[in-house]
Amino acid sequence: MTAAVPSAGFRCGHVAIVGRPNVGKSTLLNRLVGEKVSITSSKAQTTRHRVTGILTTATAQFVFVDTPGFQTKHRSALNARMNRSVTQSLVGVDAVILVVEAGRTTDADRAVVALLPRDAQVVAALNKIDTLADKGALLPQIGALAAAYPFAAIVPVSAEKGKDLDRLAAAVEPLLPVGPAMYGADELTDRDERVLAAEFVREKIFRLLGEEVPYATTVAVEKFEHDGRLRRIFAVIYVDRDSQKGILLGEGGRKMKEIGTKARLDMERLFGGPVFLDIHVRVKEGWADDERALRRFGY
C-alpha cells in the first residue's frame, strides 16, 4: 500500500495501551482506529496477544499496541507469557496510554503504574466516564494518579460511547517523534488475516459461553486459502477437558454453529469478502501450562 504523505512536522510513533484486565483497552483501540481489530467481551483477559491498530490523521500516524490485561491473581504459563508481553510492550515505544476505570483506582491499577518506566511519556485515560454517576469522584482520582506518576496528561474518556477520544489523541500526538508514516493511510492493523480469524472465533467463545470454558480454550487456524474473493478458513478450537468440548458444541452442535456464524460475519465485514469457515474442536489437556503448546499456538 502507498505510504501516507506527511506534512511538515508530521509525527509518527508507537503507543502502547496498557492497564489491568477489563478496563476497556481493546474497545478503546477499536474506537480510535474506527474498526474492530482487537476482540472484546465483558470477561477479563479476552486479549491474549499484542494487537496493533493504526490511526492516520492529517498531522500524525499513531501505531497503537493493545496488550493483555496485566494479571496479578491467576498463575499459569499462559498468564506469565501475557504479563511478559505487557512489560515488553513498554520497551521501545514512543508513548503509553494507561487505561484506568473512571472513579476507581484499584491495587491492580497501581501494580501497572509501578511497571511504568519513570522516563516514559504516559497519558492516563480514565475510561467509562459514561457509567460514573458522580463526576466529582474524578477529582480525587486524578489527584492521586498525578501524585503516583508524572503523567503527561490525564484525560477522562468513554471508549464505549466514543467520547473525548479526540482529546486523548491530541494529548498523545505531541509525544510522538517527528517523522514519516510507517504504514499506508488506509491500513488499520499489521496483524495478518489468519491471526484475526482465530481471534474472531475466540471472541465469540468468550461472548457466548459461561465463565469457565472460554479460559480453557485457544484457537488455531490450520489452513487459510484464497479462492478469488472467497476465503476458506479451517480452524481448530482446543479445550482442556472432554467435558468442555460438549459445552462448546452444545446440543446438536447448535452452540458451535452460532459461534461460527457470528465469527464468519465479523471476518466478512473486516476482510471485505465472503468467508467459508470450518471449525473443529479437539481436547489437549494442560495446554495453558505446556510451553511447547503455547509456542505452537503463537503465545
Protein backbone atom coordinates (compact mmCIF):
# COMPACT_ATOMS: atom_id res chain seq x y z
CA MET A 1 0.00 0.00 0.00
CA THR A 2 1.06 3.60 -0.54
CA ALA A 3 2.55 5.30 2.49
CA ALA A 4 0.78 8.33 3.87
CA VAL A 5 2.32 11.58 2.62
CA PRO A 6 3.43 13.53 5.70
CA SER A 7 3.03 17.26 6.03
CA ALA A 8 5.74 19.42 7.54
CA GLY A 9 6.02 18.49 11.22
CA PHE A 10 4.16 15.20 10.69
CA ARG A 11 4.54 12.86 13.67
CA CYS A 12 4.57 9.07 13.80
CA GLY A 13 5.24 6.62 16.60
CA HIS A 14 4.25 3.55 18.61
CA VAL A 15 1.83 3.91 21.50
CA ALA A 16 1.34 1.04 23.97
CA ILE A 17 -2.11 0.73 25.56
CA VAL A 18 -1.77 -0.90 28.99
CA GLY A 19 -3.91 -1.48 32.07
CA ARG A 20 -5.37 -4.14 34.31
CA PRO A 21 -7.85 -6.65 32.88
CA ASN A 22 -11.30 -5.48 31.79
CA VAL A 23 -10.77 -1.71 31.78
CA GLY A 24 -11.67 -1.35 28.09
CA LYS A 25 -8.27 -1.31 26.36
CA SER A 26 -9.45 -3.24 23.29
CA THR A 27 -12.64 -1.20 22.99
CA LEU A 28 -10.53 1.95 23.16
CA LEU A 29 -8.21 0.69 20.42
CA ASN A 30 -11.12 -0.23 18.14
CA ARG A 31 -12.75 3.17 18.66
CA LEU A 32 -9.53 5.06 17.97
CA VAL A 33 -8.88 3.07 14.79
CA GLY A 34 -12.52 3.09 13.68
CA GLU A 35 -12.73 -0.66 13.05
CA LYS A 36 -12.69 -3.86 15.10
CA VAL A 37 -9.07 -5.05 15.07
CA SER A 38 -8.97 -6.27 18.69
CA ILE A 39 -11.53 -8.63 20.18
CA THR A 40 -13.66 -7.60 23.15
CA SER A 41 -16.00 -9.11 25.72
CA SER A 42 -17.21 -8.34 29.22
CA LYS A 43 -14.87 -11.02 30.59
CA ALA A 44 -11.38 -10.16 31.80
CA GLN A 45 -8.34 -11.38 29.85
CA THR A 46 -10.10 -11.60 26.50
CA THR A 47 -6.99 -10.18 24.79
CA ARG A 48 -4.03 -12.59 24.89
CA HIS A 49 -1.82 -11.22 22.11
CA ARG A 50 -0.33 -7.85 21.31
CA VAL A 51 -2.57 -6.32 18.67
CA THR A 52 -1.60 -3.32 16.55
CA GLY A 53 -4.10 -0.73 15.37
CA ILE A 54 -3.18 2.17 13.11
CA LEU A 55 -4.77 5.64 13.11
CA THR A 56 -3.61 8.13 10.48
CA THR A 57 -4.68 11.78 10.57
CA ALA A 58 -3.56 14.81 8.58
CA THR A 59 -0.83 15.53 11.14
CA ALA A 60 0.16 12.18 12.68
CA GLN A 61 0.16 8.40 12.48
CA PHE A 62 -0.47 6.55 15.75
CA VAL A 63 0.62 2.91 15.81
CA PHE A 64 -1.31 1.65 18.85
CA VAL A 65 -0.31 -1.60 20.53
CA ASP A 66 -3.12 -3.19 22.55
CA THR A 67 -1.79 -5.53 25.26
CA PRO A 68 -3.32 -8.21 27.52
CA GLY A 69 -4.52 -7.02 30.90
CA PHE A 70 -1.73 -7.33 33.47
CA GLN A 71 -2.67 -10.32 35.62
CA THR A 72 -1.93 -10.31 39.36
CA LYS A 73 -4.23 -13.13 40.52
CA HIS A 74 -4.18 -16.25 38.35
CA ARG A 75 -0.89 -18.01 37.62
CA SER A 76 -0.14 -20.22 34.63
CA ALA A 77 2.47 -20.35 31.92
CA LEU A 78 -0.04 -18.62 29.63
CA ASN A 79 -0.62 -15.75 32.08
CA ALA A 80 3.13 -15.41 32.64
CA ARG A 81 3.59 -15.01 28.89
CA MET A 82 0.80 -12.41 28.70
CA ASN A 83 2.33 -10.41 31.57
CA ARG A 84 5.69 -10.57 29.82
CA SER A 85 4.00 -9.19 26.69
CA VAL A 86 2.81 -6.19 28.73
CA THR A 87 6.25 -5.37 30.14
CA GLN A 88 7.92 -5.87 26.76
CA SER A 89 5.43 -3.51 25.13
CA LEU A 90 6.73 -0.69 27.35
CA VAL A 91 10.19 -1.01 25.82
CA GLY A 92 10.83 0.79 22.57
CA VAL A 93 7.52 2.66 22.29
CA ASP A 94 7.27 6.41 22.00
CA ALA A 95 4.32 6.87 24.32
CA VAL A 96 1.99 4.91 26.58
CA ILE A 97 -1.73 5.17 27.31
CA LEU A 98 -2.56 3.80 30.76
CA VAL A 99 -6.26 2.89 30.92
CA VAL A 100 -7.89 3.13 34.35
CA GLU A 101 -11.58 2.86 35.17
CA ALA A 102 -13.02 6.29 35.93
CA GLY A 103 -13.72 6.84 39.62
CA ARG A 104 -11.93 3.68 40.78
CA THR A 105 -8.20 3.03 41.10
CA THR A 106 -7.50 -0.49 42.36
CA ASP A 107 -4.43 -2.27 43.65
CA ALA A 108 -4.20 -3.95 40.24
CA ASP A 109 -4.10 -0.50 38.60
CA ARG A 110 -1.35 0.58 40.96
CA ALA A 111 0.60 -2.57 40.06
CA VAL A 112 0.53 -1.50 36.40
CA VAL A 113 1.61 2.05 37.33
CA ALA A 114 4.58 0.51 39.15
CA LEU A 115 5.64 -1.16 35.88
CA LEU A 116 5.87 2.15 34.02
CA PRO A 117 9.45 3.32 33.41
CA ARG A 118 10.00 6.64 35.16
CA ASP A 119 11.19 8.26 31.94
CA ALA A 120 8.23 7.06 29.84
CA GLN A 121 5.81 9.52 28.27
CA VAL A 122 2.45 8.38 29.59
CA VAL A 123 -1.10 9.67 29.23
CA ALA A 124 -3.70 8.28 31.63
CA ALA A 125 -7.13 7.62 30.11
CA LEU A 126 -9.88 7.47 32.73
CA ASN A 127 -12.30 5.24 30.84
CA LYS A 128 -16.03 4.52 31.27
CA ILE A 129 -16.98 8.04 32.38
CA ASP A 130 -20.41 7.32 30.89
CA THR A 131 -21.01 4.85 33.76
CA LEU A 132 -19.90 7.24 36.51
CA ALA A 133 -22.88 8.68 38.41
CA ASP A 134 -20.81 11.14 40.45
CA LYS A 135 -18.37 13.01 38.19
CA GLY A 136 -16.95 14.63 41.34
CA ALA A 137 -15.21 11.31 42.06
CA LEU A 138 -12.82 12.09 39.20
CA LEU A 139 -11.06 14.94 41.01
CA PRO A 140 -9.57 12.92 43.90
CA GLN A 141 -8.72 10.10 41.49
CA ILE A 142 -6.88 12.50 39.18
CA GLY A 143 -5.02 13.95 42.16
CA ALA A 144 -3.95 10.53 43.42
CA LEU A 145 -2.80 9.42 39.96
CA ALA A 146 -0.84 12.63 39.43
CA ALA A 147 0.92 12.05 42.74
CA ALA A 148 1.77 8.44 41.81
CA TYR A 149 3.34 9.16 38.42
CA PRO A 150 4.35 12.19 36.30
CA PHE A 151 1.69 11.73 33.60
CA ALA A 152 1.92 13.98 30.55
CA ALA A 153 -1.88 14.32 30.74
CA ILE A 154 -4.89 12.69 32.40
CA VAL A 155 -7.94 12.55 30.12
CA PRO A 156 -11.42 11.26 31.07
CA VAL A 157 -12.97 9.33 28.15
CA SER A 158 -15.65 6.83 27.21
CA ALA A 159 -14.36 4.27 24.73
CA GLU A 160 -17.80 2.65 24.54
CA LYS A 161 -19.50 5.93 23.57
CA GLY A 162 -16.54 7.39 21.66
CA LYS A 163 -16.50 10.42 23.96
CA ASP A 164 -13.44 12.71 24.14
CA LEU A 165 -11.19 10.36 22.17
CA ASP A 166 -10.10 13.35 20.08
CA ARG A 167 -8.81 14.96 23.31
CA LEU A 168 -6.94 11.76 24.13
CA ALA A 169 -5.31 11.64 20.68
CA ALA A 170 -4.44 15.32 20.95
CA ALA A 171 -2.69 14.67 24.28
CA VAL A 172 -0.67 11.79 22.82
CA GLU A 173 0.30 13.38 19.50
CA PRO A 174 2.96 15.81 20.85
CA LEU A 175 4.71 12.85 22.50
CA LEU A 176 5.39 11.20 19.12
CA PRO A 177 8.58 11.96 17.22
CA VAL A 178 8.53 13.99 14.02
CA GLY A 179 8.90 11.64 11.07
CA PRO A 180 7.19 10.00 8.09
CA ALA A 181 4.36 7.48 8.36
CA MET A 182 5.28 3.82 8.67
CA TYR A 183 2.07 2.49 7.11
CA GLY A 184 -0.31 3.44 4.33
CA ALA A 185 -3.05 5.91 5.21
CA ASP A 186 -5.74 3.22 4.69
CA GLU A 187 -4.06 0.49 6.78
CA LEU A 188 -5.74 -0.35 10.09
CA THR A 189 -3.55 -3.13 11.52
CA ASP A 190 -0.36 -5.08 10.87
CA ARG A 191 -1.93 -8.33 12.03
CA ASP A 192 -2.46 -10.80 9.19
CA GLU A 193 -5.91 -12.19 8.39
CA ARG A 194 -5.01 -15.64 9.72
CA VAL A 195 -4.43 -14.22 13.22
CA LEU A 196 -7.53 -12.02 13.05
CA ALA A 197 -9.67 -15.01 12.02
CA ALA A 198 -8.54 -17.03 15.05
CA GLU A 199 -9.21 -14.07 17.33
CA PHE A 200 -12.74 -13.53 15.99
CA VAL A 201 -13.58 -17.17 16.77
CA ARG A 202 -12.12 -16.84 20.26
CA GLU A 203 -14.10 -13.67 20.89
CA LYS A 204 -17.39 -15.46 20.16
CA ILE A 205 -16.44 -18.21 22.63
CA PHE A 206 -15.91 -15.55 25.30
CA ARG A 207 -19.15 -13.81 24.45
CA LEU A 208 -21.43 -16.85 24.11
CA LEU A 209 -20.23 -19.23 26.83
CA GLY A 210 -20.03 -19.13 30.63
CA GLU A 211 -17.10 -18.31 32.89
CA GLU A 212 -15.02 -21.50 32.79
CA VAL A 213 -14.86 -22.70 29.19
CA PRO A 214 -13.51 -19.56 27.45
CA TYR A 215 -10.38 -19.52 29.63
CA ALA A 216 -9.75 -23.19 28.84
CA THR A 217 -9.82 -22.64 25.07
CA THR A 218 -7.49 -21.43 22.35
CA VAL A 219 -7.95 -21.28 18.59
CA ALA A 220 -5.55 -22.25 15.81
CA VAL A 221 -6.12 -21.66 12.10
CA GLU A 222 -4.67 -24.70 10.36
CA LYS A 223 -5.41 -23.69 6.78
CA PHE A 224 -6.23 -20.33 5.15
CA GLU A 225 -6.91 -20.37 1.42
CA HIS A 226 -7.85 -17.66 -1.10
CA ASP A 227 -10.17 -18.59 -3.96
CA GLY A 228 -10.80 -15.32 -5.78
CA ARG A 229 -12.60 -13.09 -3.26
CA LEU A 230 -13.59 -16.14 -1.19
CA ARG A 231 -11.51 -17.04 1.86
CA ARG A 232 -11.61 -20.66 3.04
CA ILE A 233 -10.63 -20.85 6.70
CA PHE A 234 -10.15 -24.11 8.63
CA ALA A 235 -9.82 -23.60 12.39
CA VAL A 236 -9.49 -25.82 15.45
CA ILE A 237 -10.66 -24.90 18.94
CA TYR A 238 -8.57 -26.63 21.62
CA VAL A 239 -10.07 -27.25 25.06
CA ASP A 240 -8.55 -28.56 28.25
CA ARG A 241 -11.06 -31.32 29.05
CA ASP A 242 -13.52 -33.53 27.21
CA SER A 243 -16.46 -32.15 29.23
CA GLN A 244 -15.65 -28.66 27.89
CA LYS A 245 -15.88 -29.97 24.34
CA GLY A 246 -19.51 -30.94 24.92
CA ILE A 247 -20.35 -27.50 26.32
CA LEU A 248 -18.65 -25.82 23.39
CA LEU A 249 -20.53 -27.89 20.81
CA GLY A 250 -23.89 -27.51 22.53
CA GLU A 251 -26.95 -29.67 21.99
CA GLY A 252 -26.97 -30.87 18.41
CA GLY A 253 -23.96 -28.65 17.67
CA ARG A 254 -26.11 -25.51 17.93
CA LYS A 255 -23.70 -23.53 20.10
CA MET A 256 -20.81 -24.20 17.75
CA LYS A 257 -22.96 -23.18 14.78
CA GLU A 258 -23.76 -19.86 16.50
CA ILE A 259 -20.07 -19.25 17.29
CA GLY A 260 -19.09 -19.99 13.70
CA THR A 261 -21.80 -17.87 12.13
CA LYS A 262 -21.07 -14.79 14.22
CA ALA A 263 -17.29 -15.12 13.76
CA ARG A 264 -17.73 -15.51 9.99
CA LEU A 265 -19.84 -12.36 9.75
CA ASP A 266 -17.16 -10.36 11.58
CA MET A 267 -14.49 -11.74 9.23
CA GLU A 268 -16.51 -10.86 6.14
CA ARG A 269 -17.05 -7.33 7.42
CA LEU A 270 -13.34 -6.70 8.08
CA PHE A 271 -11.91 -8.68 5.15
CA GLY A 272 -14.38 -7.24 2.65
CA GLY A 273 -15.35 -10.54 1.02
CA PRO A 274 -17.15 -13.88 1.54
CA VAL A 275 -15.73 -16.42 4.01
CA PHE A 276 -16.17 -20.18 4.27
CA LEU A 277 -15.40 -21.13 7.88
CA ASP A 278 -14.89 -24.72 9.05
CA ILE A 279 -14.34 -25.28 12.79
CA HIS A 280 -13.49 -28.45 14.73
CA VAL A 281 -12.96 -28.99 18.46
CA ARG A 282 -10.11 -31.03 19.95
CA VAL A 283 -9.05 -31.81 23.51
CA LYS A 284 -5.49 -31.02 24.62
CA GLU A 285 -5.16 -31.34 28.39
CA GLY A 286 -2.98 -28.80 30.18
CA TRP A 287 -2.26 -26.71 27.09
CA ALA A 288 -2.14 -23.43 29.10
CA ASP A 289 0.83 -24.74 31.13
CA ASP A 290 2.56 -26.50 28.25
CA GLU A 291 5.38 -24.31 26.93
CA ARG A 292 5.61 -26.29 23.71
CA ALA A 293 1.88 -25.96 23.07
CA LEU A 294 1.96 -22.24 23.85
CA ARG A 295 4.70 -21.70 21.27
CA ARG A 296 2.68 -23.66 18.73
CA PHE A 297 -0.39 -21.53 19.40
CA GLY A 298 1.61 -18.32 18.98
CA TYR A 299 1.81 -17.15 22.60
